[in-house]
Every structure is written in structure tokens, then in C-alpha cells.
Amino acid sequence: MYGIEISEWERRHRKKRDVANAHYLRYQRWFILLVSEGHHALKQPTAKGGEGEYLRDCRRQPIRFQGYSILYRRSGVTPTGGASIKWHAHVRIDDDTYRQLRDHLLDLATHRSAENLAREFARIPFARYAPIRRQLLNILRAVNERRKQHNFELLNHSVLILRRTSVPVYVRPEATESPDLSLQEAA
């Protein structure tokens, strides 16, 4: 119905004909249908005059998922010589989640030692994309400002884990365990 199960060759030719392609992404019980630019059955108006499905443009309204806010936007560099504008994904911590995290760490700023706060910063579960690194640095600055007002030891930026680590894809957590270990546990 949505044309999701087509080949890569057909996707390329649909794009050349200004026909949109649809992609189905799923994580556990959450899913999303992504539709590219062009004509598509999902974008056709219904008999009542509305859109065929509830659609949002991720260039204007971010996708919110598990504390992340994902937007598709122009890159910061304007191309020269008539080249096309480049677009990229912009991933950051969702505004509500960011405020909760910042408020939590600010509350702890004057009630915890530097070592305990460093452990709290290390427990932050978000992937370290550039916008998220900037958000975490802003939180650290605010925490240090509060600690400075109360004459506490300031935290070094090294308490933040700023390097992004790769995550294995299509690996179930139980698949990484040793088979011998599971047999021993069952016995």
C-alpha cells in the first residue's frame, strides 16, 4: 500500500520521476513512516478534504523519541558556485528532558561532592552528537556557576564523556553472552 517493499533500483527511478519513497522504521513497539519529497499516496487528500494520514515535516517539527529531538535541517555552510544546499540530521536532547536533566544536576550541585557529581554526569545516557555535547557543556557551566556561588570545588570539563561511542546494530543483548555461561546458570 505504501510502497515500502520496493527495490533500491525502483526507489532511484521513483525519485527521478518526482515520486516519493516511504521507509518504515521500527524500534520495539514504536514505529514511524518516513516519506521523501514528491508525490505519494500518503500525501493524497481524503474525500473530506484533509490529508490522507497525519503527516508532519521533520524539517519544521522535530521527531521526539526516547528523550531525543531529531530534526532535518540545512547545514551551516552555504555552498558556493551554485551547488545545492546540504541537509543533515540534527540530534539533540528534547527540551523537556533537557530541562529535567539540568534541574536535577543543578539541585545536586551544592549537595554532592565533585566525585559524586562526576559520576552523575557519567551516567547521562545520551549519545554524544555535537548538539548534545553543547547542551551538556551548558549544564556543566550552570552547575559550576552554582558551585562557585557556594565556594565548592568546580568540576573540570573532563567529567563529561564527550566522545561518541559506536553502538552495535542488530545485536540482541542476550546474543553477546557466552553460551557456556547460560548453561551454567541453568544448572
N, C-alpha and C. Protein backbone atom coordinates (compact mmCIF):
# COMPACT_ATOMS: atom_id res chain seq x y z
N MET A 1 0.81 -1.21 0.00
CA MET A 1 0.00 0.00 0.00
C MET A 1 0.86 1.27 0.00
N TYR A 2 1.92 1.28 0.83
CA TYR A 2 2.76 2.47 0.93
C TYR A 2 3.99 2.40 0.03
N GLY A 3 4.24 1.28 -0.60
CA GLY A 3 5.40 1.14 -1.48
C GLY A 3 6.70 1.03 -0.71
N ILE A 4 6.67 0.40 0.43
CA ILE A 4 7.87 0.27 1.26
C ILE A 4 8.74 -0.87 0.78
N GLU A 5 8.15 -1.92 0.25
CA GLU A 5 8.85 -3.15 -0.07
C GLU A 5 9.46 -3.16 -1.47
N ILE A 6 9.81 -2.02 -2.02
CA ILE A 6 10.36 -1.96 -3.38
C ILE A 6 11.89 -2.02 -3.34
N SER A 7 12.48 -2.31 -4.48
CA SER A 7 13.93 -2.46 -4.57
C SER A 7 14.62 -1.09 -4.59
N GLU A 8 15.93 -1.12 -4.38
CA GLU A 8 16.73 0.12 -4.42
C GLU A 8 16.67 0.74 -5.82
N TRP A 9 16.70 -0.12 -6.85
CA TRP A 9 16.62 0.36 -8.22
C TRP A 9 15.32 1.13 -8.44
N GLU A 10 14.18 0.56 -7.98
CA GLU A 10 12.89 1.22 -8.14
C GLU A 10 12.84 2.54 -7.36
N ARG A 11 13.45 2.56 -6.18
CA ARG A 11 13.50 3.82 -5.39
C ARG A 11 14.21 4.92 -6.16
N ARG A 12 15.34 4.57 -6.79
CA ARG A 12 16.09 5.57 -7.57
C ARG A 12 15.25 6.11 -8.72
N HIS A 13 14.56 5.21 -9.42
CA HIS A 13 13.76 5.65 -10.56
C HIS A 13 12.52 6.43 -10.13
N ARG A 14 11.95 6.08 -9.00
CA ARG A 14 10.82 6.86 -8.47
C ARG A 14 11.27 8.28 -8.15
N LYS A 15 12.46 8.41 -7.56
CA LYS A 15 12.99 9.73 -7.21
C LYS A 15 13.17 10.58 -8.47
N LYS A 16 13.68 9.98 -9.55
CA LYS A 16 13.86 10.71 -10.81
C LYS A 16 12.54 11.18 -11.38
N ARG A 17 11.45 10.41 -11.14
CA ARG A 17 10.12 10.76 -11.64
C ARG A 17 9.34 11.64 -10.67
N ASP A 18 10.00 12.15 -9.62
CA ASP A 18 9.37 13.00 -8.61
C ASP A 18 8.27 12.27 -7.85
N VAL A 19 8.50 10.96 -7.62
CA VAL A 19 7.58 10.16 -6.83
C VAL A 19 8.30 9.88 -5.51
N ALA A 20 7.60 10.10 -4.41
CA ALA A 20 8.21 9.95 -3.09
C ALA A 20 8.42 8.49 -2.74
N ASN A 21 9.40 8.25 -1.91
CA ASN A 21 9.66 6.93 -1.36
C ASN A 21 9.30 6.93 0.12
N ALA A 22 8.81 5.78 0.59
CA ALA A 22 8.45 5.65 2.00
C ALA A 22 9.36 4.63 2.66
N HIS A 23 9.72 4.89 3.89
CA HIS A 23 10.56 3.99 4.69
C HIS A 23 9.88 3.76 6.03
N TYR A 24 9.91 2.52 6.46
CA TYR A 24 9.31 2.11 7.73
C TYR A 24 10.44 1.85 8.71
N LEU A 25 10.47 2.59 9.81
CA LEU A 25 11.47 2.40 10.86
C LEU A 25 10.74 1.95 12.12
N ARG A 26 11.32 0.96 12.79
CA ARG A 26 10.67 0.42 13.98
C ARG A 26 11.70 0.18 15.06
N TYR A 27 11.30 0.49 16.28
CA TYR A 27 12.09 0.15 17.46
C TYR A 27 11.12 -0.35 18.52
N GLN A 28 11.22 -1.62 18.86
CA GLN A 28 10.32 -2.28 19.79
C GLN A 28 8.87 -2.02 19.38
N ARG A 29 8.08 -1.29 20.18
CA ARG A 29 6.67 -1.07 19.83
C ARG A 29 6.43 0.30 19.19
N TRP A 30 7.48 1.02 18.90
CA TRP A 30 7.39 2.36 18.31
C TRP A 30 7.77 2.26 16.84
N PHE A 31 7.04 2.96 15.97
CA PHE A 31 7.41 2.97 14.56
C PHE A 31 7.11 4.34 13.96
N ILE A 32 7.71 4.57 12.81
CA ILE A 32 7.48 5.81 12.08
C ILE A 32 7.60 5.51 10.59
N LEU A 33 6.78 6.17 9.82
CA LEU A 33 6.88 6.10 8.36
C LEU A 33 7.51 7.40 7.89
N LEU A 34 8.61 7.29 7.17
CA LEU A 34 9.27 8.47 6.61
C LEU A 34 8.95 8.52 5.13
N VAL A 35 8.56 9.69 4.65
CA VAL A 35 8.22 9.85 3.23
C VAL A 35 9.06 10.99 2.68
N SER A 36 9.76 10.73 1.57
CA SER A 36 10.61 11.74 0.96
C SER A 36 9.78 12.74 0.15
N GLU A 37 10.45 13.73 -0.45
CA GLU A 37 9.78 14.72 -1.29
C GLU A 37 9.18 14.04 -2.52
N GLY A 38 8.08 14.56 -2.97
CA GLY A 38 7.44 14.05 -4.18
C GLY A 38 6.01 13.61 -3.92
N HIS A 39 5.40 13.02 -4.92
CA HIS A 39 4.01 12.56 -4.82
C HIS A 39 3.98 11.18 -4.19
N HIS A 40 3.03 10.96 -3.28
CA HIS A 40 2.88 9.66 -2.62
C HIS A 40 1.44 9.52 -2.15
N ALA A 41 0.98 8.28 -2.05
CA ALA A 41 -0.39 8.00 -1.61
C ALA A 41 -0.65 8.55 -0.20
N LEU A 42 0.36 8.55 0.64
CA LEU A 42 0.19 9.10 2.00
C LEU A 42 -0.13 10.59 1.99
N LYS A 43 0.29 11.27 0.95
CA LYS A 43 0.11 12.72 0.89
C LYS A 43 -1.18 13.13 0.17
N GLN A 44 -1.93 12.17 -0.34
CA GLN A 44 -3.14 12.49 -1.09
C GLN A 44 -4.26 12.91 -0.14
N PRO A 45 -5.02 13.96 -0.53
CA PRO A 45 -6.14 14.38 0.32
C PRO A 45 -7.25 13.34 0.32
N THR A 46 -7.96 13.26 1.42
CA THR A 46 -9.08 12.33 1.54
C THR A 46 -10.32 12.98 0.95
N ALA A 47 -11.41 12.24 0.91
CA ALA A 47 -12.67 12.76 0.38
C ALA A 47 -13.18 13.93 1.21
N LYS A 48 -12.80 13.97 2.49
CA LYS A 48 -13.25 15.06 3.37
C LYS A 48 -12.38 16.30 3.25
N GLY A 49 -11.34 16.25 2.39
CA GLY A 49 -10.52 17.43 2.15
C GLY A 49 -9.26 17.49 2.98
N GLY A 50 -9.07 16.58 3.92
CA GLY A 50 -7.87 16.60 4.75
C GLY A 50 -6.77 15.73 4.16
N GLU A 51 -5.65 15.65 4.86
CA GLU A 51 -4.55 14.79 4.43
C GLU A 51 -4.98 13.33 4.59
N GLY A 52 -4.37 12.44 3.78
CA GLY A 52 -4.68 11.03 3.86
C GLY A 52 -4.29 10.43 5.21
N GLU A 53 -3.19 10.85 5.76
CA GLU A 53 -2.70 10.41 7.06
C GLU A 53 -2.24 11.66 7.80
N TYR A 54 -1.99 11.51 9.10
CA TYR A 54 -1.48 12.62 9.89
C TYR A 54 0.01 12.75 9.59
N LEU A 55 0.39 13.80 8.88
CA LEU A 55 1.78 14.00 8.45
C LEU A 55 2.39 15.22 9.13
N ARG A 56 3.67 15.09 9.44
CA ARG A 56 4.43 16.23 9.94
C ARG A 56 5.74 16.28 9.17
N ASP A 57 6.25 17.46 8.96
CA ASP A 57 7.50 17.66 8.24
C ASP A 57 8.63 17.78 9.26
N CYS A 58 9.59 16.84 9.24
CA CYS A 58 10.66 16.86 10.24
C CYS A 58 11.68 17.96 9.96
N ARG A 59 11.47 18.76 8.91
CA ARG A 59 12.30 19.95 8.70
C ARG A 59 11.76 21.11 9.53
N ARG A 60 10.49 21.01 9.93
CA ARG A 60 9.86 22.08 10.71
C ARG A 60 9.52 21.67 12.13
N GLN A 61 9.17 20.41 12.33
CA GLN A 61 8.75 19.91 13.63
C GLN A 61 9.56 18.65 13.94
N PRO A 62 10.34 18.67 15.00
CA PRO A 62 11.24 17.53 15.25
C PRO A 62 10.50 16.25 15.63
N ILE A 63 11.15 15.14 15.35
CA ILE A 63 10.68 13.84 15.79
C ILE A 63 11.19 13.67 17.22
N ARG A 64 10.30 13.39 18.14
CA ARG A 64 10.70 13.19 19.54
C ARG A 64 10.64 11.71 19.85
N PHE A 65 11.78 11.20 20.33
CA PHE A 65 11.87 9.77 20.60
C PHE A 65 12.86 9.51 21.72
N GLN A 66 12.39 8.89 22.79
CA GLN A 66 13.21 8.48 23.94
C GLN A 66 14.14 9.58 24.43
N GLY A 67 13.60 10.79 24.58
CA GLY A 67 14.38 11.90 25.11
C GLY A 67 15.19 12.66 24.07
N TYR A 68 15.19 12.18 22.83
CA TYR A 68 15.89 12.86 21.75
C TYR A 68 14.92 13.72 20.96
N SER A 69 15.45 14.73 20.31
CA SER A 69 14.71 15.56 19.38
C SER A 69 15.50 15.53 18.07
N ILE A 70 14.89 15.00 17.01
CA ILE A 70 15.59 14.78 15.74
C ILE A 70 14.95 15.66 14.68
N LEU A 71 15.76 16.51 14.09
CA LEU A 71 15.29 17.46 13.09
C LEU A 71 16.14 17.28 11.84
N TYR A 72 15.58 17.56 10.69
CA TYR A 72 16.32 17.53 9.43
C TYR A 72 16.44 18.97 8.98
N ARG A 73 17.67 19.49 8.90
CA ARG A 73 17.83 20.92 8.60
C ARG A 73 19.05 21.17 7.73
N ARG A 74 19.14 22.39 7.25
CA ARG A 74 20.27 22.79 6.40
C ARG A 74 21.56 22.75 7.19
N SER A 75 22.64 22.45 6.49
CA SER A 75 23.94 22.51 7.15
C SER A 75 24.31 23.98 7.32
N GLY A 76 25.25 24.26 8.18
CA GLY A 76 25.63 25.64 8.49
C GLY A 76 26.43 26.32 7.41
N VAL A 77 26.92 25.57 6.41
CA VAL A 77 27.78 26.13 5.38
C VAL A 77 26.95 26.36 4.12
N THR A 78 27.04 27.57 3.56
CA THR A 78 26.35 27.87 2.31
C THR A 78 27.28 27.53 1.16
N PRO A 79 26.86 26.65 0.26
CA PRO A 79 27.73 26.25 -0.85
C PRO A 79 27.95 27.39 -1.84
N THR A 80 29.10 27.39 -2.48
CA THR A 80 29.40 28.40 -3.50
C THR A 80 29.32 27.77 -4.88
N GLY A 81 29.22 28.60 -5.87
CA GLY A 81 29.22 28.11 -7.25
C GLY A 81 27.94 27.43 -7.68
N GLY A 82 26.82 27.75 -7.04
CA GLY A 82 25.54 27.19 -7.45
C GLY A 82 25.31 25.76 -7.00
N ALA A 83 26.13 25.25 -6.10
CA ALA A 83 25.93 23.89 -5.60
C ALA A 83 24.66 23.83 -4.75
N SER A 84 24.08 22.64 -4.66
CA SER A 84 22.84 22.51 -3.89
C SER A 84 23.13 22.59 -2.39
N ILE A 85 22.13 23.03 -1.66
CA ILE A 85 22.25 23.17 -0.21
C ILE A 85 22.26 21.78 0.41
N LYS A 86 23.14 21.58 1.38
CA LYS A 86 23.23 20.29 2.04
C LYS A 86 22.33 20.28 3.27
N TRP A 87 21.72 19.14 3.50
CA TRP A 87 20.85 18.93 4.65
C TRP A 87 21.44 17.82 5.50
N HIS A 88 21.17 17.83 6.79
CA HIS A 88 21.65 16.78 7.68
C HIS A 88 20.71 16.63 8.88
N ALA A 89 20.85 15.52 9.56
CA ALA A 89 20.07 15.28 10.77
C ALA A 89 20.69 16.08 11.92
N HIS A 90 19.84 16.67 12.74
CA HIS A 90 20.26 17.44 13.91
C HIS A 90 19.64 16.76 15.13
N VAL A 91 20.48 16.09 15.91
CA VAL A 91 20.01 15.31 17.05
C VAL A 91 20.43 15.98 18.33
N ARG A 92 19.48 16.25 19.19
CA ARG A 92 19.76 16.88 20.48
C ARG A 92 18.84 16.28 21.54
N ILE A 93 19.06 16.66 22.79
CA ILE A 93 18.18 16.22 23.86
C ILE A 93 16.90 17.04 23.76
N ASP A 94 15.77 16.38 23.84
CA ASP A 94 14.46 17.03 23.80
C ASP A 94 14.40 18.13 24.87
N ASP A 95 13.69 19.21 24.59
CA ASP A 95 13.64 20.36 25.51
C ASP A 95 13.17 19.99 26.91
N ASP A 96 12.09 19.20 27.02
CA ASP A 96 11.59 18.82 28.34
C ASP A 96 12.60 17.96 29.09
N THR A 97 13.18 17.01 28.39
CA THR A 97 14.18 16.13 29.00
C THR A 97 15.42 16.92 29.42
N TYR A 98 15.82 17.86 28.56
CA TYR A 98 16.98 18.71 28.87
C TYR A 98 16.73 19.52 30.15
N ARG A 99 15.56 20.13 30.25
CA ARG A 99 15.23 20.93 31.44
C ARG A 99 15.23 20.06 32.71
N GLN A 100 14.65 18.87 32.61
CA GLN A 100 14.63 17.96 33.76
C GLN A 100 16.05 17.56 34.17
N LEU A 101 16.88 17.24 33.19
CA LEU A 101 18.26 16.84 33.47
C LEU A 101 19.04 18.00 34.09
N ARG A 102 18.90 19.19 33.51
CA ARG A 102 19.60 20.37 34.03
C ARG A 102 19.14 20.68 35.45
N ASP A 103 17.84 20.67 35.69
CA ASP A 103 17.31 20.97 37.03
C ASP A 103 17.78 19.94 38.05
N HIS A 104 17.81 18.66 37.65
CA HIS A 104 18.27 17.61 38.55
C HIS A 104 19.74 17.84 38.94
N LEU A 105 20.58 18.13 37.95
CA LEU A 105 22.01 18.33 38.24
C LEU A 105 22.25 19.63 38.99
N LEU A 106 21.45 20.66 38.74
CA LEU A 106 21.58 21.91 39.49
C LEU A 106 21.17 21.71 40.95
N ASP A 107 20.16 20.87 41.17
CA ASP A 107 19.76 20.56 42.55
C ASP A 107 20.87 19.84 43.30
N LEU A 108 21.59 18.97 42.60
CA LEU A 108 22.67 18.21 43.23
C LEU A 108 23.96 19.02 43.37
N ALA A 109 24.06 20.13 42.65
CA ALA A 109 25.32 20.89 42.57
C ALA A 109 25.89 21.27 43.93
N THR A 110 25.03 21.65 44.87
CA THR A 110 25.53 22.09 46.18
C THR A 110 25.30 21.06 47.27
N HIS A 111 24.87 19.87 46.89
CA HIS A 111 24.60 18.82 47.87
C HIS A 111 25.46 17.57 47.65
N ARG A 112 26.31 17.58 46.64
CA ARG A 112 27.14 16.42 46.34
C ARG A 112 28.59 16.83 46.20
N SER A 113 29.47 15.88 46.46
CA SER A 113 30.90 16.13 46.26
C SER A 113 31.19 16.15 44.76
N ALA A 114 32.36 16.63 44.40
CA ALA A 114 32.75 16.68 42.99
C ALA A 114 32.78 15.27 42.39
N GLU A 115 33.23 14.28 43.16
CA GLU A 115 33.31 12.90 42.67
C GLU A 115 31.92 12.34 42.39
N ASN A 116 30.98 12.59 43.29
CA ASN A 116 29.62 12.10 43.08
C ASN A 116 28.95 12.79 41.89
N LEU A 117 29.19 14.08 41.74
CA LEU A 117 28.64 14.79 40.58
C LEU A 117 29.25 14.27 39.29
N ALA A 118 30.55 13.97 39.32
CA ALA A 118 31.20 13.42 38.13
C ALA A 118 30.55 12.10 37.75
N ARG A 119 30.20 11.27 38.73
CA ARG A 119 29.50 10.01 38.45
C ARG A 119 28.12 10.27 37.85
N GLU A 120 27.43 11.29 38.35
CA GLU A 120 26.11 11.65 37.79
C GLU A 120 26.23 12.06 36.32
N PHE A 121 27.25 12.87 36.01
CA PHE A 121 27.46 13.28 34.61
C PHE A 121 27.80 12.08 33.74
N ALA A 122 28.57 11.13 34.28
CA ALA A 122 28.96 9.94 33.51
C ALA A 122 27.76 9.04 33.23
N ARG A 123 26.73 9.12 34.05
CA ARG A 123 25.54 8.26 33.88
C ARG A 123 24.56 8.80 32.84
N ILE A 124 24.80 9.97 32.30
CA ILE A 124 23.88 10.54 31.30
C ILE A 124 23.87 9.63 30.08
N PRO A 125 22.69 9.12 29.68
CA PRO A 125 22.62 8.04 28.70
C PRO A 125 22.63 8.45 27.23
N PHE A 126 22.70 9.72 26.91
CA PHE A 126 22.54 10.15 25.52
C PHE A 126 23.82 10.02 24.71
N ALA A 127 23.66 9.67 23.42
CA ALA A 127 24.80 9.61 22.50
C ALA A 127 25.37 11.02 22.36
N ARG A 128 26.66 11.11 22.20
CA ARG A 128 27.32 12.42 22.24
C ARG A 128 27.44 13.05 20.85
N TYR A 129 26.30 13.36 20.23
CA TYR A 129 26.32 14.14 18.99
C TYR A 129 26.68 15.58 19.35
N ALA A 130 27.15 16.34 18.38
CA ALA A 130 27.64 17.70 18.65
C ALA A 130 26.63 18.57 19.39
N PRO A 131 25.35 18.63 18.98
CA PRO A 131 24.40 19.46 19.73
C PRO A 131 24.22 18.99 21.18
N ILE A 132 24.30 17.68 21.40
CA ILE A 132 24.16 17.16 22.76
C ILE A 132 25.39 17.52 23.58
N ARG A 133 26.57 17.48 22.97
CA ARG A 133 27.79 17.89 23.69
C ARG A 133 27.67 19.35 24.13
N ARG A 134 27.14 20.20 23.25
CA ARG A 134 26.96 21.62 23.63
C ARG A 134 25.96 21.75 24.78
N GLN A 135 24.87 20.97 24.74
CA GLN A 135 23.89 21.01 25.83
C GLN A 135 24.52 20.56 27.15
N LEU A 136 25.33 19.52 27.11
CA LEU A 136 25.97 19.03 28.33
C LEU A 136 26.99 20.04 28.86
N LEU A 137 27.71 20.69 27.97
CA LEU A 137 28.65 21.73 28.41
C LEU A 137 27.91 22.90 29.04
N ASN A 138 26.74 23.24 28.52
CA ASN A 138 25.93 24.31 29.12
C ASN A 138 25.47 23.92 30.52
N ILE A 139 25.07 22.67 30.71
CA ILE A 139 24.66 22.19 32.03
C ILE A 139 25.85 22.25 32.99
N LEU A 140 27.02 21.80 32.52
CA LEU A 140 28.22 21.83 33.37
C LEU A 140 28.56 23.26 33.78
N ARG A 141 28.44 24.20 32.84
CA ARG A 141 28.70 25.61 33.16
C ARG A 141 27.75 26.10 34.25
N ALA A 142 26.47 25.75 34.13
CA ALA A 142 25.48 26.18 35.12
C ALA A 142 25.75 25.54 36.48
N VAL A 143 26.14 24.28 36.49
CA VAL A 143 26.47 23.58 37.74
C VAL A 143 27.68 24.24 38.39
N ASN A 144 28.70 24.52 37.60
CA ASN A 144 29.90 25.17 38.15
C ASN A 144 29.59 26.57 38.67
N GLU A 145 28.71 27.27 38.00
CA GLU A 145 28.33 28.62 38.48
C GLU A 145 27.66 28.52 39.85
N ARG A 146 26.78 27.55 40.01
CA ARG A 146 26.11 27.38 41.29
C ARG A 146 27.11 26.94 42.37
N ARG A 147 28.04 26.05 42.03
CA ARG A 147 29.05 25.60 42.99
C ARG A 147 29.99 26.75 43.37
N LYS A 148 30.28 27.62 42.41
CA LYS A 148 31.15 28.78 42.66
C LYS A 148 30.49 29.74 43.65
N GLN A 149 29.19 29.94 43.53
CA GLN A 149 28.46 30.83 44.44
C GLN A 149 28.53 30.33 45.88
N HIS A 150 28.66 29.00 46.06
CA HIS A 150 28.71 28.42 47.41
C HIS A 150 30.13 28.00 47.81
N ASN A 151 31.12 28.45 47.05
CA ASN A 151 32.54 28.17 47.33
C ASN A 151 32.86 26.67 47.37
N PHE A 152 32.24 25.91 46.46
CA PHE A 152 32.55 24.48 46.33
C PHE A 152 33.57 24.29 45.21
N GLU A 153 34.20 23.13 45.22
CA GLU A 153 35.16 22.78 44.18
C GLU A 153 34.45 22.71 42.82
N LEU A 154 35.04 23.34 41.81
CA LEU A 154 34.45 23.33 40.47
C LEU A 154 34.79 22.04 39.75
N LEU A 155 33.93 21.65 38.85
CA LEU A 155 34.14 20.44 38.06
C LEU A 155 34.88 20.77 36.77
N ASN A 156 35.81 19.94 36.41
CA ASN A 156 36.53 20.09 35.16
C ASN A 156 35.66 19.53 34.03
N HIS A 157 35.84 20.03 32.82
CA HIS A 157 35.03 19.52 31.70
C HIS A 157 35.34 18.05 31.39
N SER A 158 36.41 17.53 31.95
CA SER A 158 36.75 16.12 31.73
C SER A 158 35.76 15.17 32.41
N VAL A 159 34.89 15.69 33.28
CA VAL A 159 33.87 14.82 33.90
C VAL A 159 32.83 14.41 32.86
N LEU A 160 32.73 15.17 31.79
CA LEU A 160 31.79 14.83 30.72
C LEU A 160 32.45 13.86 29.76
N ILE A 161 31.72 12.85 29.40
CA ILE A 161 32.19 11.94 28.35
C ILE A 161 31.71 12.55 27.05
N LEU A 162 32.63 13.17 26.29
CA LEU A 162 32.23 13.90 25.10
C LEU A 162 32.47 13.11 23.82
N ARG A 163 33.16 11.99 23.91
CA ARG A 163 33.42 11.19 22.73
C ARG A 163 32.24 10.25 22.48
N ARG A 164 31.80 10.22 21.24
CA ARG A 164 30.69 9.36 20.88
C ARG A 164 31.19 7.94 20.68
N THR A 165 30.49 6.99 21.26
CA THR A 165 30.87 5.58 21.10
C THR A 165 29.90 4.90 20.15
N SER A 166 30.43 4.02 19.32
CA SER A 166 29.57 3.32 18.37
C SER A 166 28.79 2.24 19.10
N VAL A 167 27.60 2.00 18.62
CA VAL A 167 26.71 1.01 19.22
C VAL A 167 26.50 -0.10 18.22
N PRO A 168 26.65 -1.36 18.63
CA PRO A 168 26.42 -2.46 17.68
C PRO A 168 24.96 -2.50 17.25
N VAL A 169 24.75 -2.69 15.97
CA VAL A 169 23.40 -2.72 15.41
C VAL A 169 23.00 -4.17 15.17
N TYR A 170 21.73 -4.46 15.37
CA TYR A 170 21.16 -5.79 15.14
C TYR A 170 21.77 -6.86 16.06
N VAL A 171 22.19 -6.46 17.24
CA VAL A 171 22.73 -7.42 18.21
C VAL A 171 21.83 -7.40 19.42
N ARG A 172 21.30 -8.55 19.75
CA ARG A 172 20.48 -8.65 20.96
C ARG A 172 21.40 -8.79 22.16
N PRO A 173 21.05 -8.18 23.28
CA PRO A 173 21.92 -8.27 24.46
C PRO A 173 22.21 -9.71 24.88
N GLU A 174 21.24 -10.59 24.77
CA GLU A 174 21.47 -11.97 25.17
C GLU A 174 22.38 -12.70 24.20
N ALA A 175 22.51 -12.22 22.97
CA ALA A 175 23.37 -12.87 21.98
C ALA A 175 24.85 -12.64 22.30
N THR A 176 25.18 -11.63 23.08
CA THR A 176 26.57 -11.33 23.40
C THR A 176 27.08 -12.17 24.56
N GLU A 177 26.19 -12.84 25.27
CA GLU A 177 26.61 -13.67 26.40
C GLU A 177 27.25 -14.96 25.89
N SER A 178 28.11 -15.52 26.68
CA SER A 178 28.75 -16.78 26.36
C SER A 178 27.73 -17.90 26.52
N PRO A 179 27.64 -18.85 25.55
CA PRO A 179 26.68 -19.94 25.68
C PRO A 179 26.99 -20.83 26.88
N ASP A 180 28.27 -20.99 27.24
CA ASP A 180 28.64 -21.81 28.38
C ASP A 180 28.10 -21.21 29.67
N LEU A 181 28.13 -19.88 29.77
CA LEU A 181 27.64 -19.20 30.96
C LEU A 181 26.16 -19.44 31.16
N SER A 182 25.38 -19.39 30.06
CA SER A 182 23.93 -19.60 30.19
C SER A 182 23.62 -21.03 30.62
N LEU A 183 24.44 -21.99 30.17
CA LEU A 183 24.23 -23.38 30.57
C LEU A 183 24.55 -23.57 32.05
N GLN A 184 25.58 -22.87 32.52
CA GLN A 184 25.95 -22.97 33.92
C GLN A 184 24.88 -22.37 34.81
N GLU A 185 24.28 -21.26 34.36
CA GLU A 185 23.24 -20.61 35.16
C GLU A 185 21.99 -21.51 35.25
N ALA A 186 21.70 -22.23 34.16
CA ALA A 186 20.51 -23.08 34.15
C ALA A 186 20.67 -24.29 35.06
N ALA A 187 21.92 -24.72 35.28
CA ALA A 187 22.17 -25.92 36.07
C ALA A 187 22.05 -25.70 37.54
